[in-house]
């Protein structure tokens, strides 16, 4: 139970009682409460002491994160050498101008205002190929970036939404103009970090060894930076960041550094998976973001984080499963038993397109591979150092069951399978394996990537031919 602070009246009364007691001890017969001098002194002293008690309580509470206000939390975080409460940030929008007249040049002033269909507003920002005054738009170079006027989540427009420039931009020769721009991509803004979240970080500092705490803060710094436009870089496309602490790194020249590995782009989705099934243009899944490494490194260098090794920014690379054998044979052989009435060529109509059952099986196999978490299944030694990584074949089986059904359950796309077995080519025959060994992926030099993103093959044309489906 908290002890209540003494009020100014209570302190004044105590002062008066003490003065009366001292007068009585000296044999002075006088009523202290009737003397103006003692009344004024009592009021002044009680006010000062009451204020000191309140200030002392506030300062005491601010040493405990669970009782602190935002100012106190920021003081704790700052003293610990980590970022203070993360501010809100705006959304970043990539825009395209359609149907421009060939050979015409348009100068788009930085700071120009765009309006969305719901009345939301955005302002044009510069990029690394333009000055801070205007952006040159042509039919060949028809993209630019804008930032939302409002900050916080849900400030990003939808892909395909039309934003209107006010006023319209007229070509340099005055013959034509444009005002409509189409949203091609966007990154939503972020709300200000809640006091609860900041308090949790402050408490974690006291509870977690410095190395672990600081590594999580490095991740937060990188993620916070994604919606900030640098003077030397366009807004980054970083969507996630992972941190490996000292004993997990094997840097040959900087073994005491912390590595921050950034991921970018869009996670695996149907659009990526359909390439190569519906057309002749397959796409290798990648979260590599080489252009943003410098930006991330600059952000890290600007942070004066005390008592931790120097962070090194890198990115992730794609590791192909088929490179483990070098075999020209399909690496995976998926043997299935289908429900009555279906064959591998049966055409199934989905929202995005029509696929054969064979194509759906290939697509879901690849989805399972590309959706593997970083490192797949990691093994550690007694000191906590990563020593091996494996890919569980069961994850492919579970994805096929989940999407295409089993004899007992319905899949998200339909109920087509009675049974399935995933075989792997071992160099001479197809065998059933519980796991596939992977390269651990820890970097050996500052410039190395972390090979913890997976695809069937890193040669696009070999992706789906390496997934054989048979009855």
Protein backbone atom coordinates (compact mmCIF):
# COMPACT_ATOMS: atom_id res chain seq x y z
CA UNK A 1 0.00 0.00 0.00
CA UNK A 2 1.42 3.39 -0.97
CA UNK A 3 2.13 5.87 1.83
CA UNK A 4 0.20 9.13 1.20
CA UNK A 5 2.25 12.30 0.83
CA UNK A 6 1.80 14.95 3.58
CA UNK A 7 -0.28 17.93 2.48
CA UNK A 8 0.80 21.54 2.87
CA UNK A 9 -1.83 22.09 5.59
CA UNK A 10 -0.57 19.08 7.54
CA UNK A 11 3.03 20.28 7.29
CA UNK A 12 2.02 23.81 8.40
CA UNK A 13 0.16 22.43 11.40
CA UNK A 14 3.20 20.34 12.37
CA UNK A 15 5.42 23.42 12.12
CA UNK A 16 3.01 25.43 14.33
CA UNK A 17 2.85 22.60 16.89
CA UNK A 18 6.64 22.34 17.00
CA UNK A 19 7.04 26.11 17.46
CA UNK A 20 4.41 26.10 20.26
CA UNK A 21 6.21 23.19 21.96
CA UNK A 22 9.58 24.99 21.83
CA UNK A 23 7.99 28.17 23.29
CA UNK A 24 6.43 26.22 26.13
CA UNK A 25 9.77 24.53 26.89
CA UNK A 26 11.35 27.99 27.21
CA UNK A 27 8.60 29.14 29.58
CA UNK A 28 7.13 31.59 27.04
CA UNK A 29 3.37 31.89 27.46
CA UNK A 30 2.21 32.85 23.99
CA UNK A 31 -0.22 31.44 21.38
CA UNK A 32 1.96 30.86 18.28
CA UNK A 33 -1.10 30.53 15.98
CA UNK A 34 -1.94 34.18 16.60
CA UNK A 35 1.44 35.44 15.40
CA UNK A 36 1.62 36.51 11.75
CA UNK A 37 5.37 35.88 11.54
CA UNK A 38 5.05 32.21 12.42
CA UNK A 39 2.05 31.82 10.12
CA UNK A 40 4.00 33.14 7.13
CA UNK A 41 7.03 30.97 7.92
CA UNK A 42 4.78 27.94 8.30
CA UNK A 43 3.10 28.54 4.93
CA UNK A 44 6.42 29.00 3.10
CA UNK A 45 8.23 26.03 4.67
CA UNK A 46 5.27 23.67 4.29
CA UNK A 47 4.92 24.63 0.60
CA UNK A 48 8.60 24.00 -0.09
CA UNK A 49 8.65 20.68 1.76
CA UNK A 50 5.41 19.45 0.13
CA UNK A 51 6.83 20.27 -3.33
CA UNK A 52 10.10 18.49 -2.52
CA UNK A 53 8.18 15.41 -1.36
CA UNK A 54 6.15 15.35 -4.59
CA UNK A 55 9.25 15.83 -6.77
CA UNK A 56 11.12 13.14 -4.89
CA UNK A 57 8.24 10.70 -5.34
CA UNK A 58 8.05 11.44 -9.07
CA UNK A 59 11.80 10.95 -9.48
CA UNK A 60 11.65 7.74 -7.46
CA UNK A 61 8.79 6.36 -9.55
CA UNK A 62 10.62 7.26 -12.75
CA UNK A 63 13.37 4.83 -11.80
CA UNK A 64 10.78 2.04 -12.15
CA UNK A 65 9.54 1.67 -15.75
CA UNK A 66 6.16 0.31 -14.71
CA UNK A 67 5.34 3.61 -12.99
CA UNK A 68 7.02 6.07 -15.35
CA UNK A 69 5.44 8.44 -17.83
CA UNK A 70 6.75 8.95 -21.39
CA UNK A 71 9.36 11.43 -20.19
CA UNK A 72 10.61 8.98 -17.59
CA UNK A 73 10.66 6.07 -20.06
CA UNK A 74 12.59 8.15 -22.59
CA UNK A 75 15.09 9.06 -19.89
CA UNK A 76 15.59 5.38 -19.00
CA UNK A 77 15.96 4.32 -22.64
CA UNK A 78 18.30 7.20 -23.47
CA UNK A 79 20.51 6.52 -20.44
CA UNK A 80 20.73 2.89 -21.52
CA UNK A 81 21.90 3.97 -24.99
CA UNK A 82 18.90 2.64 -26.92
CA UNK A 83 16.27 4.46 -29.03
CA UNK A 84 13.61 6.41 -27.17
CA UNK A 85 9.90 5.98 -27.93
CA UNK A 86 9.58 5.48 -31.70
CA UNK A 87 7.59 8.35 -33.26
CA UNK A 88 4.78 7.88 -35.76
CA UNK A 89 5.79 7.77 -39.41
CA UNK A 90 3.97 8.43 -42.71
CA UNK A 91 3.25 5.96 -45.47
CA UNK A 92 5.50 5.89 -48.55
CA UNK A 93 3.86 5.55 -51.97
CA UNK A 94 5.37 4.60 -55.34
CA UNK A 95 3.42 6.10 -58.25
CA UNK A 96 3.35 5.62 -62.02
CA UNK A 97 2.15 8.06 -64.66
CA UNK A 98 0.28 6.31 -67.47
CA UNK A 99 -0.10 7.18 -71.18
CA UNK A 100 2.58 9.83 -71.38
CA UNK A 101 3.34 11.28 -74.79
CA UNK A 102 6.61 9.89 -76.10
CA UNK A 103 9.44 12.43 -76.24
CA UNK A 104 7.78 14.90 -73.87
CA UNK A 105 9.48 16.01 -70.65
CA UNK A 106 7.62 17.01 -67.48
CA UNK A 107 9.21 18.63 -64.42
CA UNK A 108 7.36 17.47 -61.30
CA UNK A 109 8.14 19.83 -58.37
CA UNK A 110 9.09 18.13 -55.11
CA UNK A 111 6.37 19.04 -52.61
CA UNK A 112 3.53 18.86 -55.12
CA UNK A 113 0.25 17.73 -53.57
CA UNK A 114 -1.70 14.62 -54.61
CA UNK A 115 -5.24 13.79 -53.53
CA UNK A 116 -6.74 10.33 -53.13
CA UNK A 117 -10.31 9.24 -53.79
CA UNK A 118 -11.12 9.41 -50.08
CA UNK A 119 -9.68 12.91 -49.68
CA UNK A 120 -6.35 11.77 -48.26
CA UNK A 121 -3.36 13.86 -49.33
CA UNK A 122 0.25 13.07 -50.20
CA UNK A 123 3.29 15.14 -51.12
CA UNK A 124 5.95 14.35 -53.72
CA UNK A 125 9.42 13.61 -52.31
CA UNK A 126 12.82 13.61 -54.00
CA UNK A 127 14.86 10.53 -54.78
CA UNK A 128 18.47 9.63 -55.38
CA UNK A 129 18.34 10.48 -59.09
CA UNK A 130 16.91 13.97 -58.78
CA UNK A 131 17.61 17.27 -57.13
CA UNK A 132 15.55 18.51 -54.20
CA UNK A 133 13.65 20.85 -56.55
CA UNK A 134 11.92 18.70 -59.16
CA UNK A 135 11.71 15.21 -60.66
CA UNK A 136 11.99 14.69 -64.42
CA UNK A 137 9.13 12.56 -65.73
CA UNK A 138 9.19 11.03 -69.21
CA UNK A 139 7.46 8.10 -70.88
CA UNK A 140 10.57 6.05 -70.08
CA UNK A 141 11.12 7.36 -66.53
CA UNK A 142 7.53 7.62 -65.35
CA UNK A 143 7.73 6.76 -61.64
CA UNK A 144 8.14 8.84 -58.51
CA UNK A 145 7.52 8.63 -54.77
CA UNK A 146 5.23 10.48 -52.39
CA UNK A 147 4.68 10.53 -48.64
CA UNK A 148 1.35 10.82 -46.81
CA UNK A 149 0.58 14.09 -45.08
CA UNK A 150 -0.89 12.20 -42.12
CA UNK A 151 1.27 9.86 -40.07
CA UNK A 152 0.40 6.50 -38.60
CA UNK A 153 -1.09 3.22 -39.75
CA UNK A 154 -3.77 3.00 -42.46
CA UNK A 155 -2.48 6.05 -44.31
CA UNK A 156 -1.34 4.11 -47.39
CA UNK A 157 -3.57 4.00 -50.49
CA UNK A 158 -4.54 0.74 -52.17
CA UNK A 159 -2.51 -0.64 -55.08
CA UNK A 160 -4.10 0.59 -58.28
CA UNK A 161 -5.75 3.63 -56.67
CA UNK A 162 -5.63 6.86 -58.69
CA UNK A 163 -4.08 9.93 -57.04
CA UNK A 164 -4.62 13.32 -58.65
CA UNK A 165 -1.99 16.05 -58.85
CA UNK A 166 -3.10 19.62 -58.17
CA UNK A 167 -2.32 21.50 -60.35
CA UNK A 168 -1.67 19.30 -63.38
CA UNK A 169 1.93 19.04 -64.59
CA UNK A 170 2.47 20.60 -68.02
CA UNK A 171 5.26 19.44 -70.36
CA UNK A 172 8.24 21.71 -70.86
CA UNK A 173 7.03 22.66 -74.34
CA UNK A 174 3.53 23.42 -73.00
CA UNK A 175 1.77 21.04 -75.38
CA UNK A 176 0.51 18.34 -73.03
CA UNK A 177 -0.03 17.62 -69.34
CA UNK A 178 -0.88 14.89 -66.83
CA UNK A 179 -2.59 14.85 -63.44
CA UNK A 180 -3.56 11.23 -62.69
CA UNK A 181 -1.05 8.82 -61.15
CA UNK A 182 -1.53 5.14 -60.31
CA UNK A 183 -0.30 3.60 -57.04
CA UNK A 184 2.07 0.76 -57.94
CA UNK A 185 3.30 -0.02 -54.41
CA UNK A 186 3.10 1.44 -50.94
CA UNK A 187 4.41 0.94 -47.42
CA UNK A 188 2.00 1.80 -44.66
CA UNK A 189 2.97 4.25 -41.94
CA UNK A 190 3.45 3.32 -38.30
CA UNK A 191 1.78 4.64 -35.18
CA UNK A 192 3.83 6.07 -32.34
CA UNK A 193 5.16 3.33 -30.11
CA UNK A 194 2.86 2.76 -27.18
CA UNK A 195 4.03 3.50 -23.66
CA UNK A 196 3.47 -0.17 -22.85
CA UNK A 197 5.81 -1.27 -25.63
CA UNK A 198 8.48 1.26 -24.66
CA UNK A 199 8.12 0.24 -21.01
CA UNK A 200 8.63 -3.40 -21.99
CA UNK A 201 11.86 -2.45 -23.79
CA UNK A 202 13.04 -0.53 -20.76
CA UNK A 203 12.30 -3.46 -18.43
CA UNK A 204 13.99 -5.87 -20.87
CA UNK A 205 17.18 -3.83 -20.60
CA UNK A 206 17.30 -4.60 -16.89
CA UNK A 207 16.39 -8.27 -17.33
CA UNK A 208 18.34 -9.34 -20.42
CA UNK A 209 22.12 -9.50 -20.97
CA UNK A 210 23.35 -6.49 -22.89
CA UNK A 211 24.20 -8.41 -26.05
CA UNK A 212 20.72 -9.79 -26.49
CA UNK A 213 18.99 -6.54 -25.63
CA UNK A 214 21.07 -4.47 -27.97
CA UNK A 215 20.57 -6.86 -30.87
CA UNK A 216 16.80 -6.50 -30.60
CA UNK A 217 17.20 -2.73 -30.53
CA UNK A 218 19.24 -2.87 -33.75
CA UNK A 219 16.29 -4.62 -35.37
CA UNK A 220 13.92 -1.93 -34.13
CA UNK A 221 16.19 0.81 -35.49
CA UNK A 222 16.20 -0.72 -38.98
CA UNK A 223 12.45 -1.32 -39.06
CA UNK A 224 11.80 2.22 -37.82
CA UNK A 225 13.97 3.58 -40.62
CA UNK A 226 12.01 2.01 -43.46
CA UNK A 227 9.61 4.95 -43.87
CA UNK A 228 12.21 7.69 -43.58
CA UNK A 229 13.62 9.22 -46.76
CA UNK A 230 17.35 9.81 -46.50
CA UNK A 231 18.99 12.74 -48.26
CA UNK A 232 21.03 10.23 -50.25
CA UNK A 233 18.54 7.42 -50.71
CA UNK A 234 14.96 6.76 -51.65
CA UNK A 235 12.72 5.33 -48.92
CA UNK A 236 13.79 1.77 -48.30
CA UNK A 237 11.81 -1.35 -49.05
CA UNK A 238 12.93 -3.19 -45.90
CA UNK A 239 10.09 -5.27 -44.48
CA UNK A 240 11.91 -7.16 -41.74
CA UNK A 241 15.30 -7.46 -40.08
CA UNK A 242 17.02 -10.20 -38.14
CA UNK A 243 20.00 -9.88 -35.84
CA UNK A 244 22.71 -12.43 -35.12
CA UNK A 245 24.67 -11.82 -31.94
CA UNK A 246 28.42 -12.25 -31.58
CA UNK A 247 28.74 -15.97 -30.89
CA UNK A 248 26.66 -16.86 -33.95
CA UNK A 249 28.88 -14.97 -36.36
CA UNK A 250 32.09 -16.20 -37.95
CA UNK A 251 33.37 -12.97 -39.44
CA UNK A 252 37.05 -13.48 -40.16
CA UNK A 253 38.05 -9.83 -39.82
CA UNK A 254 35.47 -8.45 -37.42
CA UNK A 255 34.47 -11.29 -35.13
CA UNK A 256 33.25 -8.94 -32.42
CA UNK A 257 30.58 -7.28 -34.58
CA UNK A 258 26.83 -7.73 -34.51
CA UNK A 259 25.29 -8.49 -37.90
CA UNK A 260 21.95 -6.94 -38.89
CA UNK A 261 20.43 -8.73 -41.88
CA UNK A 262 17.65 -6.95 -43.71
CA UNK A 263 14.84 -8.55 -45.71
CA UNK A 264 12.85 -6.74 -48.34
CA UNK A 265 10.11 -7.04 -50.87
CA UNK A 266 6.94 -9.09 -50.75
CA UNK A 267 6.71 -12.49 -49.01
CA UNK A 268 5.87 -15.44 -51.23
CA UNK A 269 2.41 -15.09 -52.76
CA UNK A 270 0.29 -16.52 -55.56
CA UNK A 271 1.47 -13.89 -58.04
CA UNK A 272 5.08 -15.00 -57.67
CA UNK A 273 4.20 -18.71 -57.60
CA UNK A 274 2.03 -18.50 -60.73
CA UNK A 275 4.90 -17.20 -62.87
CA UNK A 276 6.21 -20.18 -64.78
CA UNK A 277 2.99 -22.14 -64.35
CA UNK A 278 0.79 -19.82 -66.39
CA UNK A 279 3.48 -18.36 -68.64
CA UNK A 280 7.12 -18.86 -69.62
CA UNK A 281 8.42 -16.29 -67.14
CA UNK A 282 9.22 -18.00 -63.82
CA UNK A 283 10.52 -15.88 -60.93
CA UNK A 284 13.08 -16.83 -58.28
CA UNK A 285 11.82 -15.92 -54.83
CA UNK A 286 14.17 -13.48 -53.13
CA UNK A 287 14.17 -11.10 -50.16
CA UNK A 288 17.61 -9.71 -51.04
CA UNK A 289 17.93 -5.93 -50.88
CA UNK A 290 21.45 -4.96 -51.90
CA UNK A 291 20.61 -1.32 -52.54
CA UNK A 292 19.36 -0.77 -49.01
CA UNK A 293 22.42 -2.13 -47.21
CA UNK A 294 24.18 1.23 -47.39
CA UNK A 295 21.05 3.02 -46.18
CA UNK A 296 20.70 0.61 -43.26
CA UNK A 297 24.38 0.90 -42.38
CA UNK A 298 24.10 4.70 -42.32
CA UNK A 299 21.12 4.49 -39.99
CA UNK A 300 23.05 2.18 -37.65
CA UNK A 301 26.13 4.40 -37.73
CA UNK A 302 24.06 7.38 -36.64
CA UNK A 303 22.97 5.62 -33.45
CA UNK A 304 25.28 6.18 -30.50
CA UNK A 305 24.45 2.95 -28.72
CA UNK A 306 26.71 2.49 -25.73
CA UNK A 307 28.56 -0.65 -24.73
CA UNK A 308 27.89 -2.81 -27.80
CA UNK A 309 29.95 -4.02 -30.76
CA UNK A 310 29.77 -2.18 -34.08
CA UNK A 311 26.76 -3.36 -36.15
CA UNK A 312 27.31 -4.46 -39.75
CA UNK A 313 24.37 -4.36 -42.15
CA UNK A 314 23.97 -7.05 -44.78
CA UNK A 315 21.09 -8.84 -46.44
CA UNK A 316 19.84 -12.35 -47.13
CA UNK A 317 20.45 -14.52 -50.17
CA UNK A 318 18.42 -17.30 -51.79
CA UNK A 319 19.62 -20.85 -51.28
CA UNK A 320 18.48 -23.41 -53.88
CA UNK A 321 17.67 -26.90 -52.71
CA UNK A 322 18.59 -28.50 -56.04
CA UNK A 323 22.22 -27.41 -55.79
CA UNK A 324 22.81 -29.98 -53.08
CA UNK A 325 23.07 -32.84 -55.61
CA UNK A 326 23.77 -31.11 -58.91
CA UNK A 327 21.57 -33.73 -60.56
CA UNK A 328 19.86 -33.07 -63.91
CA UNK A 329 16.91 -35.15 -62.68
CA UNK A 330 13.91 -33.47 -61.05
CA UNK A 331 14.93 -32.98 -57.45
CA UNK A 332 11.46 -33.69 -56.02
CA UNK A 333 9.12 -36.46 -57.06
CA UNK A 334 5.63 -36.13 -55.61
CA UNK A 335 3.68 -39.39 -55.89
CA UNK A 336 -0.04 -38.89 -55.25
CA UNK A 337 -3.31 -40.81 -55.15
CA UNK A 338 -6.24 -38.67 -56.27
CA UNK A 339 -9.88 -38.64 -55.26
CA UNK A 340 -12.25 -40.46 -57.62
CA UNK A 341 -13.04 -38.45 -60.74
CA UNK A 342 -9.78 -36.52 -60.89
CA UNK A 343 -6.56 -36.94 -62.85
CA UNK A 344 -3.38 -34.84 -62.99
CA UNK A 345 -4.68 -32.93 -66.03
CA UNK A 346 -8.05 -32.07 -64.50
CA UNK A 347 -8.53 -28.30 -64.76
CA UNK A 348 -9.45 -26.55 -61.50
CA UNK A 349 -10.88 -23.00 -61.60
CA UNK A 350 -9.58 -20.70 -58.87
CA UNK A 351 -10.08 -16.98 -58.37
CA UNK A 352 -6.76 -16.03 -59.97
CA UNK A 353 -6.78 -18.54 -62.86
CA UNK A 354 -7.36 -22.10 -64.01
CA UNK A 355 -4.78 -24.75 -63.05
CA UNK A 356 -4.36 -28.45 -63.56
CA UNK A 357 -4.11 -30.54 -60.40
CA UNK A 358 -0.50 -31.25 -61.34
CA UNK A 359 0.22 -27.50 -61.42
CA UNK A 360 -1.50 -26.95 -58.07
CA UNK A 361 0.66 -29.67 -56.50
CA UNK A 362 3.80 -28.06 -57.94
CA UNK A 363 2.72 -24.65 -56.69
CA UNK A 364 2.02 -25.85 -53.14
CA UNK A 365 5.33 -27.73 -52.98
CA UNK A 366 7.15 -24.57 -53.88
CA UNK A 367 5.06 -22.52 -51.44
CA UNK A 368 6.18 -24.80 -48.60
CA UNK A 369 9.83 -24.36 -49.59
CA UNK A 370 9.75 -20.58 -49.96
CA UNK A 371 7.74 -20.13 -46.75
CA UNK A 372 10.35 -21.84 -44.61
CA UNK A 373 11.40 -19.71 -41.63
CA UNK A 374 14.92 -18.28 -41.53
CA UNK A 375 17.37 -21.10 -41.02
CA UNK A 376 14.63 -23.73 -41.47
CA UNK A 377 15.42 -26.11 -38.56
CA UNK A 378 18.56 -24.95 -36.75
CA UNK A 379 20.82 -27.02 -34.51
CA UNK A 380 23.00 -25.46 -31.81
CA UNK A 381 25.99 -26.70 -29.86
CA UNK A 382 26.35 -26.45 -26.10
CA UNK A 383 27.56 -22.87 -26.35
CA UNK A 384 24.54 -21.71 -28.34
CA UNK A 385 26.41 -21.46 -31.65
CA UNK A 386 24.52 -22.53 -34.78
CA UNK A 387 26.19 -25.62 -36.23
CA UNK A 388 23.73 -26.96 -38.82
CA UNK A 389 20.47 -26.33 -40.65
CA UNK A 390 18.01 -28.77 -42.22
CA UNK A 391 14.86 -28.56 -44.31
CA UNK A 392 11.99 -30.76 -42.99
CA UNK A 393 10.29 -32.69 -45.80
CA UNK A 394 7.20 -32.93 -43.59
CA UNK A 395 6.57 -29.22 -44.21
CA UNK A 396 5.87 -30.04 -47.90
CA UNK A 397 3.53 -32.87 -46.92
CA UNK A 398 1.66 -30.64 -44.48
CA UNK A 399 1.26 -27.89 -47.09
CA UNK A 400 -0.18 -30.35 -49.62
CA UNK A 401 -2.60 -31.66 -46.98
CA UNK A 402 -3.61 -28.15 -45.94
CA UNK A 403 -4.19 -26.83 -49.47
CA UNK A 404 -5.36 -29.88 -51.44
CA UNK A 405 -6.99 -32.01 -48.76
CA UNK A 406 -6.61 -35.59 -47.53
CA UNK A 407 -8.90 -38.59 -47.25
CA UNK A 408 -10.15 -37.18 -43.93
CA UNK A 409 -10.00 -33.38 -44.33
CA UNK A 410 -10.87 -30.68 -46.86
CA UNK A 411 -8.12 -28.43 -48.16
CA UNK A 412 -8.29 -24.67 -48.57
CA UNK A 413 -8.34 -25.06 -52.39
CA UNK A 414 -10.41 -28.25 -52.51
CA UNK A 415 -10.35 -31.96 -51.72
CA UNK A 416 -8.27 -33.62 -54.41
CA UNK A 417 -5.77 -35.94 -52.66
CA UNK A 418 -6.20 -39.31 -51.00
CA UNK A 419 -2.50 -39.76 -50.36
CA UNK A 420 0.88 -38.14 -51.13
CA UNK A 421 4.54 -39.05 -50.70
CA UNK A 422 7.46 -36.69 -51.22
CA UNK A 423 10.65 -38.29 -52.61
CA UNK A 424 14.05 -36.62 -53.05
CA UNK A 425 16.68 -37.47 -55.66
CA UNK A 426 19.87 -38.63 -53.92
CA UNK A 427 22.05 -38.74 -57.05
CA UNK A 428 21.06 -42.22 -58.17
CA UNK A 429 17.41 -42.79 -57.18
CA UNK A 430 14.40 -41.24 -55.50
CA UNK A 431 14.30 -41.90 -51.76
CA UNK A 432 12.18 -40.77 -48.85
CA UNK A 433 14.09 -38.45 -46.51
CA UNK A 434 12.95 -36.90 -43.26
CA UNK A 435 15.16 -33.84 -43.76
CA UNK A 436 17.35 -32.21 -46.41
CA UNK A 437 20.67 -30.79 -45.18
CA UNK A 438 21.24 -27.09 -45.84
CA UNK A 439 24.20 -24.77 -45.75
CA UNK A 440 24.17 -23.16 -42.32
CA UNK A 441 24.45 -19.78 -43.95
CA UNK A 442 26.54 -17.90 -41.41
CA UNK A 443 28.71 -15.27 -43.13
CA UNK A 444 32.49 -15.47 -43.08
CA UNK A 445 33.15 -11.92 -44.27
CA UNK A 446 31.45 -8.58 -43.76
CA UNK A 447 30.19 -8.52 -47.33
CA UNK A 448 28.66 -12.01 -47.25
CA UNK A 449 24.92 -12.61 -47.34
CA UNK A 450 22.96 -14.80 -44.98
CA UNK A 451 21.66 -17.67 -47.14
CA UNK A 452 18.42 -18.29 -45.28
CA UNK A 453 15.83 -17.76 -48.02
CA UNK A 454 14.94 -20.84 -50.05
CA UNK A 455 13.63 -21.77 -53.49
CA UNK A 456 13.64 -24.93 -55.57
CA UNK A 457 16.35 -23.46 -57.77
CA UNK A 458 18.01 -20.07 -58.22
CA UNK A 459 17.78 -20.59 -61.99
CA UNK A 460 14.24 -19.52 -62.81
CA UNK A 461 13.79 -21.91 -65.73
CA UNK A 462 14.65 -24.88 -63.48
CA UNK A 463 12.13 -24.20 -60.72
CA UNK A 464 9.03 -26.12 -61.78
CA UNK A 465 10.82 -28.73 -63.95
CA UNK A 466 12.51 -29.83 -60.72
CA UNK A 467 9.12 -30.75 -59.19
CA UNK A 468 7.88 -33.96 -60.85
CA UNK A 469 4.29 -35.02 -60.10
CA UNK A 470 3.17 -38.59 -60.81
CA UNK A 471 0.50 -41.12 -59.83
